[in-house]
């Protein structure tokens, strides 16, 4: 027996995408293609965060190369059939989401969008999915240093490998658009501190101290 109510809900599936969209790069294009392929019959809505709410939830300033929202909309519309764009602020986001009635909310990973979801979208956690649009160098293009011999005992070497794995895990938490770096501080064979890199504090930081990415 066909449940026409369920069929109607399926055919009218609404997906709300919330992201930073500072620049449109290959990671975004891959996301557009992937989500369209998986949700051919869905209606898509895009949410941008306005300046005031972004400053409130973001510790760091965006990159100087950020594209203005009107231009971003034009670029997205070329690749993606968006039914409606929204500009979220702390006063209207709840009503806008309620009016859309999304079956799924996709948060594109980034400092502003992830903080926005954590601070304001707690009641929607069951329908939120996170998508990583960050660009990664292919592993085959990353240089590796390999040494056949080591002065470390096998037990010590295995322990250091575990520490390195933890550092790699920390790198996954980085919201930097360009490079993700993780680190752990070890004392007496125990991790006592762990951290990861973040975006530069201000868009003119490179003019003050030089581009820190060149030193990595």
N, C-alpha and C. Protein backbone atom coordinates (compact mmCIF):
# COMPACT_ATOMS: atom_id res chain seq x y z
N UNK A 1 0.84 -1.20 0.00
CA UNK A 1 0.00 0.00 0.00
C UNK A 1 0.88 1.25 0.00
N UNK A 2 0.58 2.20 -0.86
CA UNK A 2 1.38 3.41 -0.98
C UNK A 2 0.91 4.47 0.01
N UNK A 3 1.83 4.98 0.77
CA UNK A 3 1.53 6.07 1.70
C UNK A 3 1.84 7.37 0.97
N UNK A 4 0.78 8.03 0.49
CA UNK A 4 0.97 9.24 -0.32
C UNK A 4 1.55 10.39 0.50
N UNK A 5 1.27 10.39 1.80
CA UNK A 5 1.83 11.42 2.66
C UNK A 5 3.34 11.31 2.72
N UNK A 6 3.83 10.07 2.93
CA UNK A 6 5.27 9.85 2.99
C UNK A 6 5.92 10.14 1.64
N UNK A 7 5.21 9.75 0.54
CA UNK A 7 5.75 10.00 -0.79
C UNK A 7 5.88 11.50 -1.05
N UNK A 8 4.87 12.25 -0.61
CA UNK A 8 4.91 13.70 -0.80
C UNK A 8 6.07 14.32 -0.02
N UNK A 9 6.28 13.81 1.20
CA UNK A 9 7.40 14.31 2.01
C UNK A 9 8.73 14.02 1.34
N UNK A 10 8.82 12.81 0.74
CA UNK A 10 10.06 12.43 0.07
C UNK A 10 10.32 13.32 -1.14
N UNK A 11 9.24 13.52 -1.95
CA UNK A 11 9.39 14.32 -3.16
C UNK A 11 9.67 15.78 -2.85
N UNK A 12 9.19 16.24 -1.70
CA UNK A 12 9.38 17.63 -1.31
C UNK A 12 10.48 17.78 -0.27
N UNK A 13 11.44 16.88 -0.28
CA UNK A 13 12.53 16.93 0.68
C UNK A 13 13.27 18.25 0.57
N UNK A 14 13.41 18.91 1.70
CA UNK A 14 14.08 20.21 1.73
C UNK A 14 15.40 20.09 2.48
N UNK A 15 16.44 20.60 1.87
CA UNK A 15 17.78 20.55 2.47
C UNK A 15 18.30 21.98 2.62
N UNK A 16 18.67 22.31 3.84
CA UNK A 16 19.23 23.64 4.13
C UNK A 16 20.74 23.51 4.29
N UNK A 17 21.49 24.26 3.50
CA UNK A 17 22.95 24.25 3.56
C UNK A 17 23.42 25.55 4.20
N UNK A 18 24.22 25.42 5.25
CA UNK A 18 24.75 26.60 5.94
C UNK A 18 26.27 26.57 5.86
N UNK A 19 26.86 27.66 5.40
CA UNK A 19 28.31 27.68 5.25
C UNK A 19 28.87 29.09 5.29
N UNK A 20 30.19 29.16 5.20
CA UNK A 20 30.89 30.45 5.22
C UNK A 20 31.01 31.05 3.83
N UNK A 21 31.35 30.23 2.84
CA UNK A 21 31.52 30.66 1.46
C UNK A 21 32.46 31.86 1.30
N UNK A 22 33.63 31.85 1.95
CA UNK A 22 34.57 32.97 1.80
C UNK A 22 35.19 32.99 0.41
N UNK A 23 35.45 31.80 -0.11
CA UNK A 23 35.93 31.63 -1.48
C UNK A 23 35.25 30.39 -2.03
N UNK A 24 35.06 30.33 -3.33
CA UNK A 24 34.48 29.14 -3.94
C UNK A 24 35.61 28.38 -4.63
N UNK A 25 35.97 27.23 -4.06
CA UNK A 25 37.06 26.44 -4.63
C UNK A 25 36.55 25.04 -4.97
N UNK A 26 37.45 24.17 -5.37
CA UNK A 26 37.09 22.83 -5.83
C UNK A 26 36.33 22.04 -4.77
N UNK A 27 36.64 22.28 -3.50
CA UNK A 27 35.94 21.57 -2.43
C UNK A 27 34.45 21.83 -2.45
N UNK A 28 34.07 23.08 -2.74
CA UNK A 28 32.65 23.43 -2.83
C UNK A 28 32.01 22.80 -4.06
N UNK A 29 32.71 22.85 -5.20
CA UNK A 29 32.16 22.29 -6.43
C UNK A 29 31.94 20.79 -6.27
N UNK A 30 32.89 20.10 -5.65
CA UNK A 30 32.73 18.66 -5.40
C UNK A 30 31.52 18.40 -4.51
N UNK A 31 31.32 19.26 -3.51
CA UNK A 31 30.17 19.13 -2.62
C UNK A 31 28.87 19.31 -3.39
N UNK A 32 28.79 20.34 -4.23
CA UNK A 32 27.58 20.57 -5.02
C UNK A 32 27.24 19.33 -5.86
N UNK A 33 28.24 18.80 -6.55
CA UNK A 33 28.01 17.64 -7.41
C UNK A 33 27.57 16.43 -6.61
N UNK A 34 28.19 16.21 -5.47
CA UNK A 34 27.89 15.03 -4.65
C UNK A 34 26.49 15.09 -4.07
N UNK A 35 26.10 16.23 -3.50
CA UNK A 35 24.79 16.32 -2.85
C UNK A 35 23.66 16.32 -3.89
N UNK A 36 23.92 16.87 -5.07
CA UNK A 36 22.91 16.84 -6.13
C UNK A 36 22.68 15.41 -6.62
N UNK A 37 23.75 14.66 -6.73
CA UNK A 37 23.65 13.28 -7.20
C UNK A 37 22.86 12.42 -6.22
N UNK A 38 23.05 12.67 -4.92
CA UNK A 38 22.38 11.87 -3.89
C UNK A 38 20.95 12.33 -3.62
N UNK A 39 20.63 13.57 -3.96
CA UNK A 39 19.32 14.13 -3.62
C UNK A 39 18.72 14.83 -4.84
N UNK A 40 18.47 14.07 -5.89
CA UNK A 40 18.02 14.64 -7.17
C UNK A 40 16.67 15.33 -7.07
N UNK A 41 15.80 14.87 -6.19
CA UNK A 41 14.45 15.43 -6.11
C UNK A 41 14.29 16.47 -5.01
N UNK A 42 15.38 16.80 -4.32
CA UNK A 42 15.29 17.72 -3.18
C UNK A 42 15.26 19.18 -3.61
N UNK A 43 14.75 20.01 -2.71
CA UNK A 43 14.80 21.47 -2.87
C UNK A 43 15.90 21.99 -1.94
N UNK A 44 16.76 22.84 -2.46
CA UNK A 44 17.91 23.30 -1.68
C UNK A 44 17.78 24.77 -1.30
N UNK A 45 18.12 25.04 -0.04
CA UNK A 45 18.13 26.39 0.50
C UNK A 45 19.52 26.65 1.07
N UNK A 46 20.04 27.85 0.85
CA UNK A 46 21.38 28.18 1.34
C UNK A 46 21.32 29.30 2.36
N UNK A 47 22.01 29.10 3.48
CA UNK A 47 22.05 30.10 4.53
C UNK A 47 23.44 30.68 4.71
N UNK A 48 23.54 32.01 4.67
CA UNK A 48 24.78 32.72 4.95
C UNK A 48 24.67 33.36 6.33
N UNK A 49 25.79 33.56 6.98
CA UNK A 49 25.80 34.24 8.27
C UNK A 49 26.16 35.70 8.06
N UNK A 50 25.34 36.61 8.61
CA UNK A 50 25.64 38.03 8.41
C UNK A 50 26.82 38.47 9.28
N UNK A 51 27.32 39.66 9.02
CA UNK A 51 28.55 40.13 9.66
C UNK A 51 28.49 40.17 11.17
N UNK A 52 27.38 40.63 11.75
CA UNK A 52 27.29 40.79 13.20
C UNK A 52 27.36 39.46 13.92
N UNK A 53 26.58 38.49 13.45
CA UNK A 53 26.57 37.19 14.12
C UNK A 53 27.89 36.46 13.89
N UNK A 54 28.52 36.70 12.74
CA UNK A 54 29.81 36.07 12.46
C UNK A 54 30.88 36.57 13.41
N UNK A 55 30.91 37.88 13.65
CA UNK A 55 31.90 38.45 14.57
C UNK A 55 31.69 37.96 15.99
N UNK A 56 30.43 37.72 16.36
CA UNK A 56 30.13 37.28 17.71
C UNK A 56 30.62 35.87 17.98
N UNK A 57 30.58 35.01 16.97
CA UNK A 57 30.91 33.60 17.18
C UNK A 57 32.29 33.22 16.65
N UNK A 58 33.00 34.17 16.03
CA UNK A 58 34.29 33.84 15.45
C UNK A 58 35.41 34.61 16.12
N UNK A 59 36.41 33.90 16.56
CA UNK A 59 37.54 34.55 17.24
C UNK A 59 38.46 35.25 16.25
N UNK A 60 38.50 34.77 15.03
CA UNK A 60 39.45 35.27 14.05
C UNK A 60 38.75 35.96 12.88
N UNK A 61 39.45 36.87 12.24
CA UNK A 61 38.90 37.58 11.10
C UNK A 61 39.07 36.74 9.84
N UNK A 62 38.15 36.86 8.87
CA UNK A 62 38.27 36.10 7.63
C UNK A 62 39.41 36.60 6.75
N UNK A 63 39.78 35.80 5.77
CA UNK A 63 40.87 36.14 4.88
C UNK A 63 40.53 37.36 4.03
N UNK A 64 41.56 38.11 3.63
CA UNK A 64 41.37 39.33 2.84
C UNK A 64 40.78 39.02 1.46
N UNK A 65 40.89 37.77 1.03
CA UNK A 65 40.40 37.39 -0.29
C UNK A 65 38.93 36.98 -0.31
N UNK A 66 38.23 37.20 0.77
CA UNK A 66 36.83 36.80 0.87
C UNK A 66 35.98 37.48 -0.21
N UNK A 67 35.07 36.69 -0.81
CA UNK A 67 34.19 37.20 -1.87
C UNK A 67 32.92 37.77 -1.24
N UNK A 68 32.43 38.93 -1.72
CA UNK A 68 31.17 39.49 -1.21
C UNK A 68 30.01 38.52 -1.46
N UNK A 69 29.05 38.48 -0.54
CA UNK A 69 27.94 37.53 -0.63
C UNK A 69 27.18 37.62 -1.95
N UNK A 70 26.84 38.82 -2.48
CA UNK A 70 26.13 38.88 -3.76
C UNK A 70 26.87 38.16 -4.89
N UNK A 71 28.21 38.26 -4.89
CA UNK A 71 29.00 37.60 -5.92
C UNK A 71 29.02 36.08 -5.70
N UNK A 72 29.07 35.67 -4.43
CA UNK A 72 29.05 34.24 -4.11
C UNK A 72 27.75 33.62 -4.61
N UNK A 73 26.63 34.31 -4.41
CA UNK A 73 25.33 33.81 -4.85
C UNK A 73 25.33 33.56 -6.36
N UNK A 74 25.91 34.48 -7.11
CA UNK A 74 25.96 34.34 -8.57
C UNK A 74 26.76 33.10 -8.97
N UNK A 75 27.88 32.90 -8.29
CA UNK A 75 28.73 31.74 -8.61
C UNK A 75 28.02 30.44 -8.26
N UNK A 76 27.42 30.38 -7.07
CA UNK A 76 26.73 29.16 -6.65
C UNK A 76 25.59 28.83 -7.59
N UNK A 77 24.84 29.86 -8.02
CA UNK A 77 23.69 29.65 -8.90
C UNK A 77 24.08 29.01 -10.23
N UNK A 78 25.32 29.21 -10.66
CA UNK A 78 25.80 28.61 -11.91
C UNK A 78 25.90 27.09 -11.77
N UNK A 79 26.34 26.64 -10.60
CA UNK A 79 26.58 25.21 -10.37
C UNK A 79 25.42 24.50 -9.70
N UNK A 80 24.56 25.25 -9.04
CA UNK A 80 23.65 24.62 -8.08
C UNK A 80 22.26 25.26 -8.14
N UNK A 81 21.19 24.46 -8.22
CA UNK A 81 19.82 24.98 -8.28
C UNK A 81 19.29 25.35 -6.90
N UNK A 82 19.58 26.54 -6.44
CA UNK A 82 19.14 26.98 -5.12
C UNK A 82 17.76 27.60 -5.21
N UNK A 83 16.84 27.10 -4.38
CA UNK A 83 15.48 27.64 -4.39
C UNK A 83 15.44 29.02 -3.74
N UNK A 84 16.22 29.18 -2.66
CA UNK A 84 16.23 30.48 -1.98
C UNK A 84 17.50 30.63 -1.14
N UNK A 85 18.03 31.85 -1.11
CA UNK A 85 19.16 32.18 -0.26
C UNK A 85 18.66 32.94 0.97
N UNK A 86 19.32 32.70 2.11
CA UNK A 86 18.97 33.41 3.34
C UNK A 86 20.22 34.05 3.93
N UNK A 87 20.02 35.16 4.62
CA UNK A 87 21.09 35.78 5.39
C UNK A 87 20.68 35.69 6.85
N UNK A 88 21.33 34.79 7.59
CA UNK A 88 20.96 34.54 8.98
C UNK A 88 21.53 35.60 9.93
N UNK A 89 20.74 35.99 10.90
CA UNK A 89 21.24 36.74 12.04
C UNK A 89 20.61 36.15 13.29
N UNK A 90 21.01 36.61 14.46
CA UNK A 90 20.55 35.98 15.70
C UNK A 90 19.06 36.18 15.95
N UNK A 91 18.44 37.12 15.23
CA UNK A 91 17.02 37.39 15.43
C UNK A 91 16.11 36.64 14.46
N UNK A 92 16.63 36.28 13.29
CA UNK A 92 15.74 35.68 12.28
C UNK A 92 16.00 34.22 11.97
N UNK A 93 17.15 33.66 12.41
CA UNK A 93 17.51 32.30 11.98
C UNK A 93 16.47 31.26 12.37
N UNK A 94 15.92 31.38 13.58
CA UNK A 94 14.96 30.39 14.07
C UNK A 94 13.69 30.39 13.22
N UNK A 95 13.18 31.57 12.91
CA UNK A 95 11.96 31.69 12.11
C UNK A 95 12.20 31.22 10.68
N UNK A 96 13.35 31.55 10.12
CA UNK A 96 13.67 31.14 8.76
C UNK A 96 13.76 29.62 8.64
N UNK A 97 14.42 28.99 9.60
CA UNK A 97 14.54 27.53 9.58
C UNK A 97 13.16 26.89 9.74
N UNK A 98 12.36 27.45 10.61
CA UNK A 98 11.00 26.94 10.83
C UNK A 98 10.17 27.04 9.56
N UNK A 99 10.29 28.15 8.84
CA UNK A 99 9.52 28.34 7.61
C UNK A 99 9.97 27.39 6.50
N UNK A 100 11.26 27.10 6.45
CA UNK A 100 11.77 26.16 5.45
C UNK A 100 11.34 24.74 5.78
N UNK A 101 11.42 24.37 7.06
CA UNK A 101 11.07 23.02 7.49
C UNK A 101 11.96 21.97 6.87
N UNK A 102 13.29 22.11 6.98
CA UNK A 102 14.20 21.18 6.31
C UNK A 102 14.18 19.78 6.92
N UNK A 103 14.36 18.79 6.04
CA UNK A 103 14.52 17.41 6.50
C UNK A 103 15.97 17.15 6.90
N UNK A 104 16.84 18.00 6.36
CA UNK A 104 18.26 17.86 6.65
C UNK A 104 18.91 19.25 6.63
N UNK A 105 19.82 19.47 7.58
CA UNK A 105 20.63 20.68 7.59
C UNK A 105 22.09 20.27 7.40
N UNK A 106 22.71 20.77 6.35
CA UNK A 106 24.11 20.46 6.08
C UNK A 106 24.97 21.65 6.49
N UNK A 107 25.88 21.41 7.41
CA UNK A 107 26.82 22.44 7.85
C UNK A 107 28.15 22.21 7.14
N UNK A 108 28.55 23.16 6.30
CA UNK A 108 29.86 23.06 5.66
C UNK A 108 30.92 23.48 6.67
N UNK A 109 31.85 22.60 6.93
CA UNK A 109 32.82 22.82 8.00
C UNK A 109 33.61 24.11 7.82
N UNK A 110 33.69 24.85 8.91
CA UNK A 110 34.40 26.12 8.95
C UNK A 110 34.17 26.72 10.32
N UNK A 111 35.03 27.62 10.74
CA UNK A 111 34.95 28.14 12.11
C UNK A 111 33.61 28.79 12.41
N UNK A 112 33.14 29.67 11.51
CA UNK A 112 31.88 30.37 11.75
C UNK A 112 30.69 29.43 11.72
N UNK A 113 30.60 28.60 10.69
CA UNK A 113 29.43 27.73 10.54
C UNK A 113 29.35 26.68 11.65
N UNK A 114 30.49 26.11 12.04
CA UNK A 114 30.48 25.11 13.12
C UNK A 114 30.14 25.75 14.46
N UNK A 115 30.68 26.94 14.72
CA UNK A 115 30.34 27.64 15.96
C UNK A 115 28.88 28.05 15.98
N UNK A 116 28.36 28.46 14.83
CA UNK A 116 26.95 28.83 14.72
C UNK A 116 26.06 27.63 15.05
N UNK A 117 26.40 26.47 14.51
CA UNK A 117 25.62 25.26 14.78
C UNK A 117 25.68 24.89 16.26
N UNK A 118 26.87 25.00 16.85
CA UNK A 118 27.04 24.64 18.27
C UNK A 118 26.29 25.60 19.19
N UNK A 119 26.27 26.88 18.84
CA UNK A 119 25.66 27.89 19.72
C UNK A 119 24.16 28.07 19.52
N UNK A 120 23.69 27.90 18.28
CA UNK A 120 22.31 28.27 17.98
C UNK A 120 21.42 27.12 17.48
N UNK A 121 22.01 26.04 17.03
CA UNK A 121 21.20 24.99 16.40
C UNK A 121 21.18 23.69 17.19
N UNK A 122 21.27 23.77 18.50
CA UNK A 122 21.32 22.56 19.32
C UNK A 122 20.08 21.69 19.15
N UNK A 123 18.92 22.30 19.00
CA UNK A 123 17.69 21.51 18.90
C UNK A 123 17.53 20.83 17.54
N UNK A 124 18.42 21.17 16.60
CA UNK A 124 18.36 20.55 15.28
C UNK A 124 19.44 19.49 15.07
N UNK A 125 20.15 19.12 16.14
CA UNK A 125 21.30 18.23 16.01
C UNK A 125 20.96 16.91 15.32
N UNK A 126 19.73 16.42 15.49
CA UNK A 126 19.34 15.13 14.91
C UNK A 126 19.30 15.17 13.39
N UNK A 127 19.10 16.34 12.81
CA UNK A 127 19.02 16.41 11.35
C UNK A 127 20.23 17.13 10.74
N UNK A 128 21.22 17.45 11.57
CA UNK A 128 22.41 18.14 11.08
C UNK A 128 23.47 17.14 10.61
N UNK A 129 24.04 17.40 9.46
CA UNK A 129 25.18 16.65 8.95
C UNK A 129 26.30 17.64 8.63
N UNK A 130 27.54 17.23 8.91
CA UNK A 130 28.68 18.10 8.63
C UNK A 130 29.41 17.59 7.39
N UNK A 131 29.81 18.51 6.55
CA UNK A 131 30.53 18.13 5.33
C UNK A 131 31.83 18.92 5.25
N UNK A 132 32.92 18.22 5.02
CA UNK A 132 34.24 18.84 4.98
C UNK A 132 34.58 19.25 3.55
N UNK A 133 34.63 20.55 3.30
CA UNK A 133 34.93 21.04 1.95
C UNK A 133 36.39 21.51 1.84
N UNK A 134 37.18 21.28 2.90
CA UNK A 134 38.57 21.72 2.86
C UNK A 134 39.36 20.96 1.80
N UNK A 135 40.30 21.64 1.19
CA UNK A 135 41.14 21.01 0.17
C UNK A 135 42.31 20.30 0.82
N UNK A 136 42.64 19.14 0.30
CA UNK A 136 43.76 18.35 0.83
C UNK A 136 44.72 18.01 -0.31
N UNK A 137 46.00 18.05 0.00
CA UNK A 137 46.97 17.60 -0.98
C UNK A 137 46.85 16.08 -1.12
N UNK A 138 46.86 15.55 -2.36
CA UNK A 138 46.87 14.09 -2.53
C UNK A 138 48.10 13.51 -1.85
N UNK A 139 47.93 12.39 -1.18
CA UNK A 139 49.04 11.80 -0.43
C UNK A 139 50.23 11.48 -1.31
N UNK A 140 49.98 11.18 -2.58
CA UNK A 140 51.09 10.84 -3.48
C UNK A 140 51.97 12.05 -3.80
N UNK A 141 51.44 13.26 -3.52
CA UNK A 141 52.21 14.48 -3.79
C UNK A 141 52.89 15.02 -2.54
N UNK A 142 52.70 14.34 -1.42
CA UNK A 142 53.30 14.78 -0.16
C UNK A 142 54.62 14.04 0.05
N UNK A 143 55.68 14.79 0.24
CA UNK A 143 57.00 14.19 0.43
C UNK A 143 57.09 13.51 1.78
N UNK A 144 57.70 12.34 1.82
CA UNK A 144 57.88 11.60 3.06
C UNK A 144 59.36 11.30 3.26
N UNK A 145 59.78 11.40 4.51
CA UNK A 145 61.16 11.04 4.84
C UNK A 145 61.15 9.62 5.41
N UNK A 146 61.86 8.74 4.73
CA UNK A 146 61.91 7.35 5.18
C UNK A 146 63.36 6.96 5.48
N UNK A 147 63.53 6.39 6.65
CA UNK A 147 64.86 5.95 7.07
C UNK A 147 64.77 4.49 7.49
N UNK A 148 65.64 3.69 6.93
CA UNK A 148 65.57 2.26 7.18
C UNK A 148 65.97 1.90 8.60
N UNK A 149 66.93 2.64 9.16
CA UNK A 149 67.42 2.30 10.48
C UNK A 149 67.10 3.40 11.48
N UNK A 150 66.92 3.02 12.72
CA UNK A 150 66.67 3.98 13.78
C UNK A 150 67.34 3.50 15.06
N UNK A 151 67.74 4.44 15.89
CA UNK A 151 68.38 4.07 17.15
C UNK A 151 67.34 3.74 18.22
N UNK A 152 66.07 3.96 17.92
CA UNK A 152 65.01 3.70 18.88
C UNK A 152 64.69 2.21 18.95
N UNK A 153 64.36 1.76 20.14
CA UNK A 153 63.89 0.40 20.30
C UNK A 153 62.49 0.29 19.68
N UNK A 154 62.12 -0.90 19.27
CA UNK A 154 60.83 -1.10 18.61
C UNK A 154 59.67 -0.64 19.50
N UNK A 155 59.78 -0.90 20.79
CA UNK A 155 58.72 -0.50 21.73
C UNK A 155 58.58 1.02 21.75
N UNK A 156 59.74 1.71 21.79
CA UNK A 156 59.72 3.18 21.80
C UNK A 156 59.17 3.72 20.49
N UNK A 157 59.60 3.12 19.39
CA UNK A 157 59.16 3.56 18.07
C UNK A 157 57.64 3.45 17.93
N UNK A 158 57.09 2.35 18.40
CA UNK A 158 55.63 2.15 18.33
C UNK A 158 54.90 3.19 19.18
N UNK A 159 55.52 3.53 20.31
CA UNK A 159 54.90 4.54 21.18
C UNK A 159 54.89 5.91 20.50
N UNK A 160 56.00 6.25 19.85
CA UNK A 160 56.07 7.52 19.13
C UNK A 160 55.07 7.56 17.97
N UNK A 161 54.87 6.42 17.35
CA UNK A 161 53.89 6.35 16.26
C UNK A 161 52.49 6.64 16.78
N UNK A 162 52.20 6.17 17.99
CA UNK A 162 50.90 6.44 18.61
C UNK A 162 50.73 7.93 18.87
N UNK A 163 51.82 8.58 19.32
CA UNK A 163 51.76 10.03 19.54
C UNK A 163 51.50 10.77 18.23
N UNK A 164 52.15 10.31 17.15
CA UNK A 164 51.96 10.94 15.85
C UNK A 164 50.52 10.77 15.36
N UNK A 165 49.93 9.62 15.64
CA UNK A 165 48.53 9.40 15.25
C UNK A 165 47.61 10.37 15.98
N UNK A 166 47.93 10.64 17.25
CA UNK A 166 47.13 11.59 18.02
C UNK A 166 47.28 13.00 17.44
N UNK A 167 48.49 13.32 16.97
CA UNK A 167 48.71 14.63 16.34
C UNK A 167 47.90 14.76 15.05
N UNK A 168 47.84 13.67 14.29
CA UNK A 168 47.03 13.67 13.06
C UNK A 168 45.55 13.87 13.39
N UNK A 169 45.10 13.27 14.49
CA UNK A 169 43.70 13.45 14.91
C UNK A 169 43.42 14.91 15.23
N UNK A 170 44.39 15.56 15.89
CA UNK A 170 44.22 16.98 16.21
C UNK A 170 44.12 17.82 14.94
N UNK A 171 44.89 17.45 13.93
CA UNK A 171 44.86 18.19 12.67
C UNK A 171 43.47 18.19 12.05
N UNK A 172 42.71 17.12 12.28
CA UNK A 172 41.35 17.04 11.74
C UNK A 172 40.44 18.10 12.33
N UNK A 173 40.80 18.63 13.50
CA UNK A 173 39.97 19.65 14.15
C UNK A 173 40.24 21.06 13.62
N UNK A 174 41.30 21.20 12.85
CA UNK A 174 41.66 22.53 12.33
C UNK A 174 40.64 23.01 11.32
N UNK A 175 40.27 24.27 11.41
CA UNK A 175 39.32 24.86 10.47
C UNK A 175 40.03 25.75 9.45
N UNK A 176 41.35 25.66 9.42
CA UNK A 176 42.12 26.45 8.46
C UNK A 176 41.78 26.01 7.04
N UNK A 177 41.55 26.96 6.15
CA UNK A 177 41.17 26.63 4.78
C UNK A 177 42.32 26.00 4.01
N UNK A 178 43.55 26.30 4.39
CA UNK A 178 44.68 25.95 3.55
C UNK A 178 45.49 24.76 4.07
N UNK A 179 45.83 24.77 5.35
CA UNK A 179 46.62 23.67 5.90
C UNK A 179 46.08 23.29 7.27
N UNK A 180 46.08 22.00 7.55
CA UNK A 180 45.61 21.52 8.85
C UNK A 180 46.80 20.87 9.56
N UNK A 181 47.18 21.46 10.70
CA UNK A 181 48.36 20.99 11.44
C UNK A 181 47.95 20.66 12.87
N UNK A 182 48.32 19.49 13.33
CA UNK A 182 48.04 19.09 14.70
C UNK A 182 49.34 18.83 15.45
N UNK A 183 49.31 18.96 16.78
CA UNK A 183 50.52 18.74 17.57
C UNK A 183 50.15 18.24 18.96
N UNK A 184 51.04 17.45 19.53
CA UNK A 184 50.88 17.00 20.92
C UNK A 184 52.19 17.24 21.66
N UNK A 185 52.09 17.60 22.92
CA UNK A 185 53.26 17.79 23.78
C UNK A 185 53.34 16.60 24.72
N UNK A 186 54.49 15.93 24.70
CA UNK A 186 54.66 14.69 25.46
C UNK A 186 55.66 14.89 26.59
N UNK A 187 55.30 14.44 27.78
CA UNK A 187 56.19 14.48 28.93
C UNK A 187 56.11 13.14 29.66
N UNK A 188 57.24 12.54 29.88
CA UNK A 188 57.31 11.24 30.54
C UNK A 188 56.39 10.23 29.87
N UNK A 189 56.43 10.26 28.53
CA UNK A 189 55.69 9.31 27.70
C UNK A 189 54.17 9.44 27.83
N UNK A 190 53.72 10.61 28.24
CA UNK A 190 52.28 10.88 28.32
C UNK A 190 51.98 12.21 27.64
N UNK A 191 50.88 12.26 26.93
CA UNK A 191 50.47 13.51 26.28
C UNK A 191 49.90 14.45 27.33
N UNK A 192 50.50 15.62 27.48
CA UNK A 192 50.04 16.58 28.48
C UNK A 192 49.37 17.80 27.84
N UNK A 193 49.52 17.93 26.53
CA UNK A 193 48.90 19.07 25.84
C UNK A 193 48.71 18.71 24.38
N UNK A 194 47.59 19.15 23.82
CA UNK A 194 47.33 18.90 22.40
C UNK A 194 46.65 20.12 21.80
N UNK A 195 46.93 20.35 20.52
CA UNK A 195 46.33 21.52 19.89
C UNK A 195 46.40 21.39 18.37
N UNK A 196 45.84 22.39 17.67
CA UNK A 196 45.84 22.42 16.21
C UNK A 196 45.87 23.88 15.76
N UNK A 197 46.23 24.09 14.51
CA UNK A 197 46.35 25.47 14.00
C UNK A 197 44.99 26.06 13.65
N UNK A 198 44.94 27.39 13.66
CA UNK A 198 43.73 28.11 13.28
C UNK A 198 44.07 29.15 12.22
N UNK A 199 43.06 29.85 11.74
CA UNK A 199 43.30 30.89 10.75
C UNK A 199 44.10 32.03 11.36
N UNK A 200 44.69 32.86 10.51
CA UNK A 200 45.43 34.02 10.99
C UNK A 200 44.47 34.99 11.67
N UNK A 201 44.90 35.68 12.73
CA UNK A 201 44.00 36.56 13.49
C UNK A 201 43.38 37.69 12.69
N UNK A 202 44.15 38.30 11.78
CA UNK A 202 43.64 39.44 11.02
C UNK A 202 44.04 39.31 9.55
N UNK A 203 43.27 39.95 8.67
CA UNK A 203 43.54 39.78 7.24
C UNK A 203 44.82 40.47 6.77
N UNK A 204 45.40 41.35 7.59
CA UNK A 204 46.66 41.99 7.20
C UNK A 204 47.85 41.44 7.97
N UNK A 205 47.67 40.30 8.62
CA UNK A 205 48.73 39.72 9.44
C UNK A 205 49.99 39.41 8.63
N UNK A 206 49.78 38.98 7.39
CA UNK A 206 50.93 38.62 6.55
C UNK A 206 51.83 39.82 6.26
N UNK A 207 51.23 41.02 6.24
CA UNK A 207 52.03 42.22 5.99
C UNK A 207 52.89 42.57 7.21
N UNK A 208 52.45 42.13 8.38
CA UNK A 208 53.16 42.46 9.62
C UNK A 208 54.34 41.52 9.86
N UNK A 209 54.09 40.22 9.68
CA UNK A 209 55.10 39.23 10.06
C UNK A 209 55.52 38.33 8.91
N UNK A 210 54.96 38.56 7.71
CA UNK A 210 55.22 37.64 6.61
C UNK A 210 54.22 36.51 6.66
N UNK A 211 54.09 35.79 5.57
CA UNK A 211 53.10 34.72 5.51
C UNK A 211 53.58 33.52 6.31
N UNK A 212 52.90 33.21 7.38
CA UNK A 212 53.31 32.12 8.26
C UNK A 212 53.26 30.78 7.54
N UNK A 213 52.40 30.68 6.50
CA UNK A 213 52.28 29.41 5.78
C UNK A 213 53.58 29.07 5.05
N UNK A 214 54.35 30.10 4.69
CA UNK A 214 55.62 29.86 4.01
C UNK A 214 56.65 29.22 4.93
N UNK A 215 56.41 29.29 6.23
CA UNK A 215 57.36 28.74 7.20
C UNK A 215 57.02 27.32 7.60
N UNK A 216 55.86 26.82 7.19
CA UNK A 216 55.44 25.47 7.60
C UNK A 216 56.13 24.43 6.73
